[in-house]
C-alpha atoms as a PDB file:
ATOM      1  CA  MET A   1      64.769  58.613 115.322  1.00  0.00           C
ATOM      2  CA  SER A   2      67.920  56.599 115.848  1.00  0.00           C
ATOM      3  CA  GLU A   3      67.824  53.689 118.239  1.00  0.00           C
ATOM      4  CA  GLN A   4      70.284  53.368 121.099  1.00  0.00           C
ATOM      5  CA  SER A   5      72.523  50.365 120.795  1.00  0.00           C
ATOM      6  CA  ALA A   6      72.023  47.648 123.340  1.00  0.00           C
ATOM      7  CA  PRO A   7      74.615  47.549 126.105  1.00  0.00           C
ATOM      8  CA  THR A   8      77.440  45.137 125.480  1.00  0.00           C
ATOM      9  CA  SER A   9      78.785  42.668 128.002  1.00  0.00           C
ATOM     10  CA  ALA A  10      81.773  44.980 128.414  1.00  0.00           C
ATOM     11  CA  ASP A  11      79.452  47.879 129.224  1.00  0.00           C
ATOM     12  CA  ALA A  12      77.641  45.735 131.749  1.00  0.00           C
ATOM     13  CA  GLY A  13      80.942  44.725 133.292  1.00  0.00           C
ATOM     14  CA  ILE A  14      82.060  48.336 133.632  1.00  0.00           C
ATOM     15  CA  SER A  15      78.707  49.279 135.153  1.00  0.00           C
ATOM     16  CA  ARG A  16      78.916  46.388 137.615  1.00  0.00           C
ATOM     17  CA  LEU A  17      82.485  47.379 138.539  1.00  0.00           C
ATOM     18  CA  ALA A  18      81.382  50.971 139.200  1.00  0.00           C
ATOM     19  CA  GLN A  19      78.588  49.704 141.454  1.00  0.00           C
ATOM     20  CA  LEU A  20      81.007  47.511 143.375  1.00  0.00           C
ATOM     21  CA  ILE A  21      83.521  50.342 143.764  1.00  0.00           C
ATOM     22  CA  ASN A  22      80.931  52.825 144.993  1.00  0.00           C
ATOM     23  CA  GLY A  23      79.217  50.259 147.176  1.00  0.00           C
ATOM     24  CA  ASP A  24      82.564  49.523 148.765  1.00  0.00           C
ATOM     25  CA  ALA A  25      83.205  53.238 149.322  1.00  0.00           C
ATOM     26  CA  MET A  26      79.859  53.696 151.079  1.00  0.00           C
ATOM     27  CA  SER A  27      80.466  50.573 153.156  1.00  0.00           C
ATOM     28  CA  ARG A  28      83.506  52.311 154.638  1.00  0.00           C
ATOM     29  CA  LEU A  29      81.362  54.977 156.286  1.00  0.00           C
ATOM     30  CA  ASP A  30      81.347  55.163 160.056  1.00  0.00           C
ATOM     31  CA  ALA A  31      77.931  54.372 161.514  1.00  0.00           C
ATOM     32  CA  ASP A  32      77.433  57.906 162.836  1.00  0.00           C
ATOM     33  CA  MET A  33      78.265  59.446 159.446  1.00  0.00           C
ATOM     34  CA  LYS A  34      75.811  57.114 157.728  1.00  0.00           C
ATOM     35  CA  HIS A  35      73.176  58.015 160.314  1.00  0.00           C
ATOM     36  CA  VAL A  36      73.400  61.703 159.379  1.00  0.00           C
ATOM     37  CA  LEU A  37      73.354  60.934 155.641  1.00  0.00           C
ATOM     38  CA  ASP A  38      70.282  58.717 156.063  1.00  0.00           C
ATOM     39  CA  ALA A  39      68.529  61.463 158.024  1.00  0.00           C
ATOM     40  CA  MET A  40      69.230  63.945 155.252  1.00  0.00           C
ATOM     41  CA  THR A  41      67.811  61.535 152.674  1.00  0.00           C
ATOM     42  CA  GLN A  42      64.710  60.982 154.811  1.00  0.00           C
ATOM     43  CA  LEU A  43      64.176  64.741 154.802  1.00  0.00           C
ATOM     44  CA  GLY A  44      64.003  64.639 150.996  1.00  0.00           C
ATOM     45  CA  ALA A  45      67.533  65.463 149.837  1.00  0.00           C
ATOM     46  CA  ARG A  46      68.177  64.424 146.225  1.00  0.00           C
ATOM     47  CA  PRO A  47      71.454  64.080 144.318  1.00  0.00           C
ATOM     48  CA  LEU A  48      72.668  67.463 143.103  1.00  0.00           C
ATOM     49  CA  GLU A  49      72.971  66.261 139.531  1.00  0.00           C
ATOM     50  CA  TYR A  50      69.175  65.798 139.378  1.00  0.00           C
ATOM     51  CA  SER A  51      68.476  69.313 140.654  1.00  0.00           C
ATOM     52  CA  SER A  52      68.594  72.864 139.429  1.00  0.00           C
ATOM     53  CA  PRO A  53      70.892  75.206 141.385  1.00  0.00           C
ATOM     54  CA  GLN A  54      67.847  76.947 142.832  1.00  0.00           C
ATOM     55  CA  SER A  55      66.186  73.743 144.022  1.00  0.00           C
ATOM     56  CA  ALA A  56      69.518  72.381 145.273  1.00  0.00           C
ATOM     57  CA  ARG A  57      69.877  75.425 147.543  1.00  0.00           C
ATOM     58  CA  ARG A  58      66.482  74.678 149.072  1.00  0.00           C
ATOM     59  CA  GLN A  59      67.242  71.028 149.735  1.00  0.00           C
ATOM     60  CA  PRO A  60      67.809  69.639 153.223  1.00  0.00           C
ATOM     61  CA  ASN A  61      71.485  69.743 154.181  1.00  0.00           C
ATOM     62  CA  PHE A  62      73.657  68.386 156.977  1.00  0.00           C
ATOM     63  CA  THR A  63      72.525  71.129 159.359  1.00  0.00           C
ATOM     64  CA  ASP A  64      68.895  70.166 158.789  1.00  0.00           C
ATOM     65  CA  ALA A  65      69.732  66.486 159.279  1.00  0.00           C
ATOM     66  CA  VAL A  66      71.449  67.136 162.600  1.00  0.00           C
ATOM     67  CA  ARG A  67      68.554  69.280 163.803  1.00  0.00           C
ATOM     68  CA  SER A  68      66.135  66.503 162.828  1.00  0.00           C
ATOM     69  CA  ILE A  69      68.102  63.888 164.760  1.00  0.00           C
ATOM     70  CA  LEU A  70      68.390  66.144 167.796  1.00  0.00           C
ATOM     71  CA  SER A  71      64.655  66.831 167.783  1.00  0.00           C
ATOM     72  CA  ARG A  72      63.907  63.097 167.743  1.00  0.00           C
ATOM     73  CA  GLN A  73      66.248  62.700 170.684  1.00  0.00           C
ATOM     74  CA  MET A  74      64.463  65.611 172.390  1.00  0.00           C
ATOM     75  CA  ARG A  75      67.630  67.653 172.335  1.00  0.00           C
ATOM     76  CA  GLY A  76      67.807  71.197 171.022  1.00  0.00           C
ATOM     77  CA  PRO A  77      70.639  72.892 169.112  1.00  0.00           C
ATOM     78  CA  GLN A  78      73.152  74.639 171.322  1.00  0.00           C
ATOM     79  CA  ASP A  79      75.060  77.851 170.721  1.00  0.00           C
ATOM     80  CA  GLY A  80      78.148  76.306 172.302  1.00  0.00           C
ATOM     81  CA  GLY A  81      79.043  79.491 174.152  1.00  0.00           C
ATOM     82  CA  VAL A  82      79.277  81.530 170.959  1.00  0.00           C
ATOM     83  CA  GLU A  83      77.361  84.706 170.160  1.00  0.00           C
ATOM     84  CA  THR A  84      76.723  85.828 166.580  1.00  0.00           C
ATOM     85  CA  GLU A  85      76.245  89.125 164.807  1.00  0.00           C
ATOM     86  CA  ASN A  86      75.259  89.635 161.173  1.00  0.00           C
ATOM     87  CA  LEU A  87      76.931  92.389 159.168  1.00  0.00           C
ATOM     88  CA  THR A  88      77.216  93.456 155.534  1.00  0.00           C
ATOM     89  CA  ILE A  89      80.251  94.286 153.416  1.00  0.00           C
ATOM     90  CA  ASP A  90      79.581  96.992 150.836  1.00  0.00           C
ATOM     91  CA  THR A  91      82.194  96.544 148.089  1.00  0.00           C
ATOM     92  CA  GLY A  92      80.755  99.339 145.984  1.00  0.00           C
ATOM     93  CA  GLU A  93      79.511  96.836 143.401  1.00  0.00           C
ATOM     94  CA  GLN A  94      77.605  94.423 145.635  1.00  0.00           C
ATOM     95  CA  GLN A  95      76.873  93.682 149.250  1.00  0.00           C
ATOM     96  CA  LEU A  96      78.201  90.543 150.896  1.00  0.00           C
ATOM     97  CA  SER A  97      76.763  88.958 154.007  1.00  0.00           C
ATOM     98  CA  VAL A  98      79.072  88.392 156.963  1.00  0.00           C
ATOM     99  CA  ARG A  99      78.475  86.675 160.282  1.00  0.00           C
ATOM    100  CA  LEU A 100      80.706  87.224 163.296  1.00  0.00           C
ATOM    101  CA  TYR A 101      81.102  84.385 165.798  1.00  0.00           C
ATOM    102  CA  LYS A 102      82.232  85.697 169.166  1.00  0.00           C
ATOM    103  CA  PRO A 103      83.160  83.226 171.904  1.00  0.00           C
ATOM    104  CA  VAL A 104      81.538  84.232 175.173  1.00  0.00           C
ATOM    105  CA  GLY A 105      84.121  86.078 177.254  1.00  0.00           C
ATOM    106  CA  LEU A 106      86.041  87.390 174.256  1.00  0.00           C
ATOM    107  CA  LEU A 107      88.055  90.302 175.604  1.00  0.00           C
ATOM    108  CA  ASN A 108      87.461  93.833 174.419  1.00  0.00           C
ATOM    109  CA  ARG A 109      90.826  94.128 172.730  1.00  0.00           C
ATOM    110  CA  LEU A 110      92.554  93.019 169.553  1.00  0.00           C
ATOM    111  CA  ASN A 111      91.862  89.309 169.186  1.00  0.00           C
ATOM    112  CA  PRO A 112      93.030  86.569 166.828  1.00  0.00           C
ATOM    113  CA  ALA A 113      90.527  85.955 164.053  1.00  0.00           C
ATOM    114  CA  VAL A 114      89.653  83.401 161.380  1.00  0.00           C
ATOM    115  CA  LEU A 115      88.188  84.503 158.043  1.00  0.00           C
ATOM    116  CA  PHE A 116      86.040  81.522 157.034  1.00  0.00           C
ATOM    117  CA  PHE A 117      84.457  80.707 153.657  1.00  0.00           C
ATOM    118  CA  HIS A 118      81.563  78.239 153.492  1.00  0.00           C
ATOM    119  CA  GLY A 119      81.413  75.227 151.204  1.00  0.00           C
ATOM    120  CA  GLY A 120      78.940  74.249 148.503  1.00  0.00           C
ATOM    121  CA  GLY A 121      81.056  73.875 145.393  1.00  0.00           C
ATOM    122  CA  PHE A 122      80.578  77.547 144.377  1.00  0.00           C
ATOM    123  CA  VAL A 123      76.907  76.809 143.534  1.00  0.00           C
ATOM    124  CA  THR A 124      75.173  76.019 146.822  1.00  0.00           C
ATOM    125  CA  GLY A 125      75.986  76.749 150.450  1.00  0.00           C
ATOM    126  CA  SER A 126      75.498  79.749 152.692  1.00  0.00           C
ATOM    127  CA  LEU A 127      76.440  81.190 156.048  1.00  0.00           C
ATOM    128  CA  ASP A 128      73.706  78.999 157.536  1.00  0.00           C
ATOM    129  CA  SER A 129      74.802  75.759 155.873  1.00  0.00           C
ATOM    130  CA  ASN A 130      78.244  75.964 157.491  1.00  0.00           C
ATOM    131  CA  ASP A 131      77.136  77.619 160.710  1.00  0.00           C
ATOM    132  CA  ASP A 132      78.204  74.612 162.777  1.00  0.00           C
ATOM    133  CA  SER A 133      81.727  74.647 161.340  1.00  0.00           C
ATOM    134  CA  ALA A 134      82.269  78.337 162.007  1.00  0.00           C
ATOM    135  CA  ARG A 135      80.759  78.019 165.472  1.00  0.00           C
ATOM    136  CA  ALA A 136      82.993  75.058 166.340  1.00  0.00           C
ATOM    137  CA  ILE A 137      86.151  76.898 165.272  1.00  0.00           C
ATOM    138  CA  ALA A 138      85.199  79.913 167.380  1.00  0.00           C
ATOM    139  CA  ARG A 139      84.311  77.819 170.427  1.00  0.00           C
ATOM    140  CA  ARG A 140      87.401  75.624 170.296  1.00  0.00           C
ATOM    141  CA  THR A 141      90.008  78.296 169.465  1.00  0.00           C
ATOM    142  CA  GLY A 142      88.594  81.238 171.398  1.00  0.00           C
ATOM    143  CA  ALA A 143      89.179  83.337 168.286  1.00  0.00           C
ATOM    144  CA  LEU A 144      86.713  85.592 166.531  1.00  0.00           C
ATOM    145  CA  VAL A 145      85.434  83.851 163.395  1.00  0.00           C
ATOM    146  CA  ILE A 146      84.280  85.954 160.461  1.00  0.00           C
ATOM    147  CA  SER A 147      82.187  83.852 158.083  1.00  0.00           C
ATOM    148  CA  ALA A 148      81.952  85.665 154.761  1.00  0.00           C
ATOM    149  CA  GLY A 149      79.401  84.986 152.047  1.00  0.00           C
ATOM    150  CA  TYR A 150      80.142  85.290 148.340  1.00  0.00           C
ATOM    151  CA  ARG A 151      78.272  85.264 145.047  1.00  0.00           C
ATOM    152  CA  LEU A 152      77.228  81.870 143.717  1.00  0.00           C
ATOM    153  CA  ALA A 153      77.148  80.365 140.246  1.00  0.00           C
ATOM    154  CA  PRO A 154      75.491  80.072 137.788  1.00  0.00           C
ATOM    155  CA  GLU A 155      74.104  83.543 138.406  1.00  0.00           C
ATOM    156  CA  HIS A 156      77.675  84.716 139.002  1.00  0.00           C
ATOM    157  CA  LYS A 157      80.221  82.684 137.087  1.00  0.00           C
ATOM    158  CA  PHE A 158      83.886  82.146 137.961  1.00  0.00           C
ATOM    159  CA  PRO A 159      85.780  84.183 139.145  1.00  0.00           C
ATOM    160  CA  ALA A 160      83.078  86.183 140.980  1.00  0.00           C
ATOM    161  CA  ALA A 161      83.455  84.184 144.212  1.00  0.00           C
ATOM    162  CA  HIS A 162      87.238  84.652 144.148  1.00  0.00           C
ATOM    163  CA  GLU A 163      86.867  88.409 143.797  1.00  0.00           C
ATOM    164  CA  ASP A 164      84.395  88.453 146.687  1.00  0.00           C
ATOM    165  CA  ALA A 165      86.749  86.439 148.888  1.00  0.00           C
ATOM    166  CA  TRP A 166      89.519  88.958 148.253  1.00  0.00           C
ATOM    167  CA  GLN A 167      87.160  91.824 149.047  1.00  0.00           C
ATOM    168  CA  ALA A 168      86.293  90.101 152.325  1.00  0.00           C
ATOM    169  CA  TRP A 169      89.993  89.827 153.202  1.00  0.00           C
ATOM    170  CA  ARG A 170      90.551  93.512 152.438  1.00  0.00           C
ATOM    171  CA  TRP A 171      87.490  94.429 154.499  1.00  0.00           C
ATOM    172  CA  VAL A 172      88.735  92.516 157.532  1.00  0.00           C
ATOM    173  CA  LEU A 173      92.094  94.275 157.284  1.00  0.00           C
ATOM    174  CA  SER A 174      90.526  97.723 156.895  1.00  0.00           C
ATOM    175  CA  GLU A 175      87.974  97.179 159.685  1.00  0.00           C
ATOM    176  CA  ALA A 176      90.273  95.267 162.030  1.00  0.00           C
ATOM    177  CA  GLY A 177      90.159  97.907 164.731  1.00  0.00           C
ATOM    178  CA  SER A 178      86.373  98.184 164.858  1.00  0.00           C
ATOM    179  CA  LEU A 179      86.012  94.398 164.700  1.00  0.00           C
ATOM    180  CA  GLY A 180      88.450  93.895 167.560  1.00  0.00           C
ATOM    181  CA  VAL A 181      90.820  91.952 165.297  1.00  0.00           C
ATOM    182  CA  ASP A 182      94.585  91.840 165.532  1.00  0.00           C
ATOM    183  CA  PRO A 183      95.612  91.978 161.842  1.00  0.00           C
ATOM    184  CA  ARG A 184      98.877  90.232 162.760  1.00  0.00           C
ATOM    185  CA  ARG A 185      96.954  87.185 164.002  1.00  0.00           C
ATOM    186  CA  LEU A 186      94.641  86.384 161.111  1.00  0.00           C
ATOM    187  CA  VAL A 187      93.924  82.953 159.651  1.00  0.00           C
ATOM    188  CA  VAL A 188      92.012  81.978 156.495  1.00  0.00           C
ATOM    189  CA  ALA A 189      89.859  78.856 156.402  1.00  0.00           C
ATOM    190  CA  GLY A 190      87.178  77.205 154.319  1.00  0.00           C
ATOM    191  CA  GLU A 191      85.475  74.012 153.177  1.00  0.00           C
ATOM    192  CA  ASP A 192      85.599  72.608 149.613  1.00  0.00           C
ATOM    193  CA  ALA A 193      84.942  75.744 147.499  1.00  0.00           C
ATOM    194  CA  GLY A 194      85.705  77.808 150.580  1.00  0.00           C
ATOM    195  CA  GLY A 195      89.019  76.005 150.999  1.00  0.00           C
ATOM    196  CA  ASN A 196      89.885  76.950 147.437  1.00  0.00           C
ATOM    197  CA  LEU A 197      88.972  80.575 148.158  1.00  0.00           C
ATOM    198  CA  ALA A 198      91.068  80.624 151.334  1.00  0.00           C
ATOM    199  CA  ALA A 199      94.131  79.333 149.481  1.00  0.00           C
ATOM    200  CA  ASN A 200      93.639  81.918 146.755  1.00  0.00           C
ATOM    201  CA  VAL A 201      93.449  84.696 149.354  1.00  0.00           C
ATOM    202  CA  ALA A 202      96.825  83.582 150.721  1.00  0.00           C
ATOM    203  CA  LEU A 203      98.307  83.563 147.221  1.00  0.00           C
ATOM    204  CA  ARG A 204      96.957  87.000 146.336  1.00  0.00           C
ATOM    205  CA  ALA A 205      98.030  88.484 149.678  1.00  0.00           C
ATOM    206  CA  ARG A 206     101.555  87.364 148.873  1.00  0.00           C
ATOM    207  CA  ASP A 207     101.410  88.660 145.297  1.00  0.00           C
ATOM    208  CA  GLU A 208     100.023  92.042 146.324  1.00  0.00           C
ATOM    209  CA  ARG A 209     102.441  92.307 149.251  1.00  0.00           C
ATOM    210  CA  THR A 210      99.718  92.895 151.791  1.00  0.00           C
ATOM    211  CA  ILE A 211      99.322  91.229 155.165  1.00  0.00           C
ATOM    212  CA  GLN A 212      99.665  87.461 154.781  1.00  0.00           C
ATOM    213  CA  PRO A 213      97.491  85.199 156.950  1.00  0.00           C
ATOM    214  CA  LEU A 214      99.383  83.319 159.630  1.00  0.00           C
ATOM    215  CA  HIS A 215      97.842  80.019 158.598  1.00  0.00           C
ATOM    216  CA  GLN A 216      95.540  78.348 156.081  1.00  0.00           C
ATOM    217  CA  LEU A 217      92.969  75.799 157.264  1.00  0.00           C
ATOM    218  CA  LEU A 218      91.811  74.032 154.105  1.00  0.00           C
ATOM    219  CA  ILE A 219      89.031  71.516 154.709  1.00  0.00           C
ATOM    220  CA  HIS A 220      88.718  69.067 151.781  1.00  0.00           C
ATOM    221  CA  PRO A 221      89.470  71.919 149.340  1.00  0.00           C
ATOM    222  CA  ILE A 222      88.594  71.962 145.657  1.00  0.00           C
ATOM    223  CA  ALA A 223      92.123  72.036 144.316  1.00  0.00           C
ATOM    224  CA  GLY A 224      92.351  70.249 140.971  1.00  0.00           C
ATOM    225  CA  SER A 225      90.943  69.783 137.484  1.00  0.00           C
ATOM    226  CA  ASP A 226      91.490  66.041 137.035  1.00  0.00           C
ATOM    227  CA  LEU A 227      88.210  64.200 137.457  1.00  0.00           C
ATOM    228  CA  GLY A 228      89.931  60.853 136.959  1.00  0.00           C
ATOM    229  CA  THR A 229      91.972  60.743 140.156  1.00  0.00           C
ATOM    230  CA  PRO A 230      91.869  57.622 142.349  1.00  0.00           C
ATOM    231  CA  SER A 231      89.411  59.238 144.764  1.00  0.00           C
ATOM    232  CA  TYR A 232      87.092  60.342 141.941  1.00  0.00           C
ATOM    233  CA  ASN A 233      87.093  56.766 140.636  1.00  0.00           C
ATOM    234  CA  ASP A 234      86.572  55.428 144.147  1.00  0.00           C
ATOM    235  CA  CYS A 235      83.724  57.832 144.960  1.00  0.00           C
ATOM    236  CA  GLN A 236      81.775  58.113 141.738  1.00  0.00           C
ATOM    237  CA  ARG A 237      78.326  57.966 143.326  1.00  0.00           C
ATOM    238  CA  VAL A 238      78.889  58.342 147.018  1.00  0.00           C
ATOM    239  CA  ARG A 239      76.674  60.615 149.078  1.00  0.00           C
ATOM    240  CA  PRO A 240      76.409  63.549 149.376  1.00  0.00           C
ATOM    241  CA  ILE A 241      79.003  64.480 146.725  1.00  0.00           C
ATOM    242  CA  GLY A 242      80.329  62.120 144.077  1.00  0.00           C
ATOM    243  CA  LEU A 243      81.723  62.466 140.566  1.00  0.00           C
ATOM    244  CA  ALA A 244      78.397  63.423 138.974  1.00  0.00           C
ATOM    245  CA  ALA A 245      77.776  66.099 141.614  1.00  0.00           C
ATOM    246  CA  MET A 246      81.235  67.578 141.087  1.00  0.00           C
ATOM    247  CA  ARG A 247      80.672  67.675 137.316  1.00  0.00           C
ATOM    248  CA  TRP A 248      77.359  69.437 138.003  1.00  0.00           C
ATOM    249  CA  ARG A 249      79.138  72.021 140.145  1.00  0.00           C
ATOM    250  CA  PHE A 250      81.783  72.791 137.534  1.00  0.00           C
ATOM    251  CA  ARG A 251      79.207  72.936 134.752  1.00  0.00           C
ATOM    252  CA  HIS A 252      77.354  75.694 136.580  1.00  0.00           C
ATOM    253  CA  LEU A 253      80.485  77.495 137.779  1.00  0.00           C
ATOM    254  CA  LEU A 254      82.426  77.864 134.549  1.00  0.00           C
ATOM    255  CA  GLU A 255      81.519  79.838 131.439  1.00  0.00           C
ATOM    256  CA  GLU A 256      83.805  77.583 129.396  1.00  0.00           C
ATOM    257  CA  GLN A 257      84.629  74.119 130.651  1.00  0.00           C
ATOM    258  CA  ASP A 258      88.313  74.552 129.766  1.00  0.00           C
ATOM    259  CA  ALA A 259      88.397  77.123 132.575  1.00  0.00           C
ATOM    260  CA  ILE A 260      88.614  74.187 134.988  1.00  0.00           C
ATOM    261  CA  HIS A 261      92.346  74.327 134.238  1.00  0.00           C
ATOM    262  CA  ASP A 262      92.599  77.938 135.403  1.00  0.00           C
ATOM    263  CA  ARG A 263      95.285  78.230 138.075  1.00  0.00           C
ATOM    264  CA  HIS A 264      92.729  79.562 140.589  1.00  0.00           C
ATOM    265  CA  ILE A 265      90.832  76.264 140.363  1.00  0.00           C
ATOM    266  CA  ASP A 266      93.660  73.874 139.491  1.00  0.00           C
ATOM    267  CA  LEU A 267      95.779  74.678 142.528  1.00  0.00           C
ATOM    268  CA  VAL A 268      97.710  71.404 142.395  1.00  0.00           C
ATOM    269  CA  SER A 269      99.278  72.366 139.054  1.00  0.00           C
ATOM    270  CA  ARG A 270     100.885  75.484 140.548  1.00  0.00           C
ATOM    271  CA  SER A 271     104.533  75.554 141.532  1.00  0.00           C
ATOM    272  CA  ASP A 272     104.536  79.135 142.864  1.00  0.00           C
ATOM    273  CA  TRP A 273     103.509  78.412 146.459  1.00  0.00           C
ATOM    274  CA  ALA A 274     106.682  79.718 148.083  1.00  0.00           C
ATOM    275  CA  GLY A 275     105.972  82.536 150.503  1.00  0.00           C
ATOM    276  CA  VAL A 276     102.401  81.660 151.409  1.00  0.00           C
ATOM    277  CA  ALA A 277     101.242  80.859 154.921  1.00  0.00           C
ATOM    278  CA  PRO A 278     101.708  77.410 156.453  1.00  0.00           C
ATOM    279  CA  ALA A 279      98.716  75.172 155.838  1.00  0.00           C
ATOM    280  CA  THR A 280      96.674  72.451 157.450  1.00  0.00           C
ATOM    281  CA  ILE A 281      94.693  70.304 155.015  1.00  0.00           C
ATOM    282  CA  ILE A 282      91.841  68.220 156.425  1.00  0.00           C
ATOM    283  CA  LEU A 283      90.540  65.453 154.186  1.00  0.00           C
ATOM    284  CA  ALA A 284      87.621  63.030 154.299  1.00  0.00           C
ATOM    285  CA  GLY A 285      88.300  59.411 153.402  1.00  0.00           C
ATOM    286  CA  VAL A 286      85.091  58.989 151.349  1.00  0.00           C
ATOM    287  CA  ASP A 287      85.314  62.070 149.155  1.00  0.00           C
ATOM    288  CA  PRO A 288      86.198  62.589 145.475  1.00  0.00           C
ATOM    289  CA  LEU A 289      88.372  65.551 146.542  1.00  0.00           C
ATOM    290  CA  ARG A 290      90.652  63.368 148.654  1.00  0.00           C
ATOM    291  CA  SER A 291      93.352  62.770 146.022  1.00  0.00           C
ATOM    292  CA  GLU A 292      93.697  66.416 145.002  1.00  0.00           C
ATOM    293  CA  GLY A 293      93.915  67.398 148.656  1.00  0.00           C
ATOM    294  CA  GLU A 294      96.861  65.061 149.009  1.00  0.00           C
ATOM    295  CA  ALA A 295      98.384  66.451 145.811  1.00  0.00           C
ATOM    296  CA  LEU A 296      97.981  70.005 147.132  1.00  0.00           C
ATOM    297  CA  ALA A 297      99.867  69.041 150.279  1.00  0.00           C
ATOM    298  CA  ASP A 298     102.672  67.670 148.079  1.00  0.00           C
ATOM    299  CA  ALA A 299     102.749  70.873 146.002  1.00  0.00           C
ATOM    300  CA  LEU A 300     103.003  73.043 149.110  1.00  0.00           C
ATOM    301  CA  GLU A 301     105.710  70.874 150.615  1.00  0.00           C
ATOM    302  CA  SER A 302     107.690  70.920 147.364  1.00  0.00           C
ATOM    303  CA  ALA A 303     107.641  74.735 147.483  1.00  0.00           C
ATOM    304  CA  GLY A 304     108.993  74.759 151.024  1.00  0.00           C
ATOM    305  CA  VAL A 305     105.691  75.629 152.703  1.00  0.00           C
ATOM    306  CA  SER A 306     105.053  73.972 156.056  1.00  0.00           C
ATOM    307  CA  VAL A 307     101.987  71.759 155.666  1.00  0.00           C
ATOM    308  CA  GLN A 308     100.129  69.161 157.665  1.00  0.00           C
ATOM    309  CA  CYS A 309      97.697  66.854 155.872  1.00  0.00           C
ATOM    310  CA  ARG A 310      95.263  64.926 158.037  1.00  0.00           C
ATOM    311  CA  MET A 311      92.945  62.223 156.746  1.00  0.00           C
ATOM    312  CA  TYR A 312      89.778  61.164 158.568  1.00  0.00           C
ATOM    313  CA  GLN A 313      88.516  57.814 157.363  1.00  0.00           C
ATOM    314  CA  GLY A 314      84.870  56.810 157.400  1.00  0.00           C
ATOM    315  CA  VAL A 315      83.463  60.282 156.689  1.00  0.00           C
ATOM    316  CA  THR A 316      82.376  62.264 153.643  1.00  0.00           C
ATOM    317  CA  GLN A 317      82.712  65.771 152.304  1.00  0.00           C
ATOM    318  CA  GLY A 318      80.973  68.194 154.665  1.00  0.00           C
ATOM    319  CA  PHE A 319      81.710  66.210 157.841  1.00  0.00           C
ATOM    320  CA  PHE A 320      83.714  68.863 159.698  1.00  0.00           C
ATOM    321  CA  GLY A 321      80.788  70.710 161.282  1.00  0.00           C
ATOM    322  CA  LEU A 322      79.009  67.557 162.470  1.00  0.00           C
ATOM    323  CA  GLY A 323      80.607  67.407 165.906  1.00  0.00           C
ATOM    324  CA  LEU A 324      77.234  66.920 167.631  1.00  0.00           C
ATOM    325  CA  MET A 325      76.786  63.628 165.791  1.00  0.00           C
ATOM    326  CA  VAL A 326      80.011  62.390 164.175  1.00  0.00           C
ATOM    327  CA  THR A 327      83.013  61.369 166.248  1.00  0.00           C
ATOM    328  CA  LYS A 328      85.566  62.005 163.490  1.00  0.00           C
ATOM    329  CA  ALA A 329      84.260  65.569 163.219  1.00  0.00           C
ATOM    330  CA  LEU A 330      85.117  66.078 166.887  1.00  0.00           C
ATOM    331  CA  PHE A 331      88.625  64.764 166.235  1.00  0.00           C
ATOM    332  CA  ALA A 332      89.075  67.040 163.218  1.00  0.00           C
ATOM    333  CA  GLN A 333      87.785  70.084 165.087  1.00  0.00           C
ATOM    334  CA  ALA A 334      90.091  69.413 168.030  1.00  0.00           C
ATOM    335  CA  ASP A 335      93.109  68.924 165.755  1.00  0.00           C
ATOM    336  CA  ALA A 336      92.345  72.081 163.771  1.00  0.00           C
ATOM    337  CA  ALA A 337      91.798  74.134 166.925  1.00  0.00           C
ATOM    338  CA  ASP A 338      95.090  72.993 168.419  1.00  0.00           C
ATOM    339  CA  ILE A 339      96.998  73.923 165.247  1.00  0.00           C
ATOM    340  CA  LEU A 340      95.272  77.296 164.885  1.00  0.00           C
ATOM    341  CA  ALA A 341      95.708  78.184 168.544  1.00  0.00           C
ATOM    342  CA  ARG A 342      99.455  77.625 168.219  1.00  0.00           C
ATOM    343  CA  ALA A 343      99.553  79.560 164.950  1.00  0.00           C
ATOM    344  CA  VAL A 344      97.968  82.695 166.428  1.00  0.00           C
ATOM    345  CA  ALA A 345      99.613  82.549 169.842  1.00  0.00           C
ATOM    346  CA  PRO A 346     100.988  85.975 170.900  1.00  0.00           C
ATOM    347  CA  SER A 347     104.558  84.693 170.639  1.00  0.00           C
ATOM    348  CA  ARG A 348     104.034  84.270 166.869  1.00  0.00           C
ATOM    349  CA  ARG A 349     103.455  87.982 166.320  1.00  0.00           C
ATOM    350  CA  SER A 350     105.841  89.601 163.880  1.00  0.00           C
END
């Protein structure tokens, strides 16, 4: 058996530098964001890279952490004036779970709608894990939100989730009347993996000359293949998602690791964005995806697509739905709702 060589002083220096960088990144967290992260850790959450996909899906998440904090404060979760209904999409090959979020008082007519894809890096996540995000969008915009599930890796490798997202878009268009949706006032949205899926729906809608969404709300989207960007270096071991966790996600998602350069994943390398819907990109300051989100905004702008990129410092990936606990989440939700409300206003109808 060969012996491992002892670490050199250079190795120790690099290790110390990484600790300093990541310690500095975590020190930039707002107190309320750190409070939620600590609660999740106290519930038993472990780093993704030390888990199997199956055990990772069972781990406590942000929703569980918020519920735990609320229970200690003797406060219960609130529906926020939003009713839900669970449905199923039958694609002919598989069935996909869908949850409708209906603001109380939604009129019985054709309404604006948001097709939302949950996060989780294509490996974890569910309708439940991003329930608070979908609920907040519905409550703040007054629009119907359609949260669509999709197949996860490694059981279903890339591009299964992308095909499911497109099927969900087609389903919304075909069932618009029965859903009470105005197909001329549709938006796509999503978080991390879901943000990637939403952007790909907009691209495919353009390519297939079908109805294009009016807007894209991309919340810290997975948009690149370079794991050496400034934000990856800055956030190597931050919680809940750092460099190692992102490597873990891609390892389970892709059949061949070179597929990370596929244009459906590596959105920032594309120059063919002309003709897609205007976009709002919401980024977290303490997130390895921050740099590629900024690069995606540049790529869209270079192609002549109207884009707004908003950075929220002091928060991590997954912060958007934490409005009950995290102040920056409230800001992000309010900003997104204002932009979406203007995008789907009746005067914007074609």
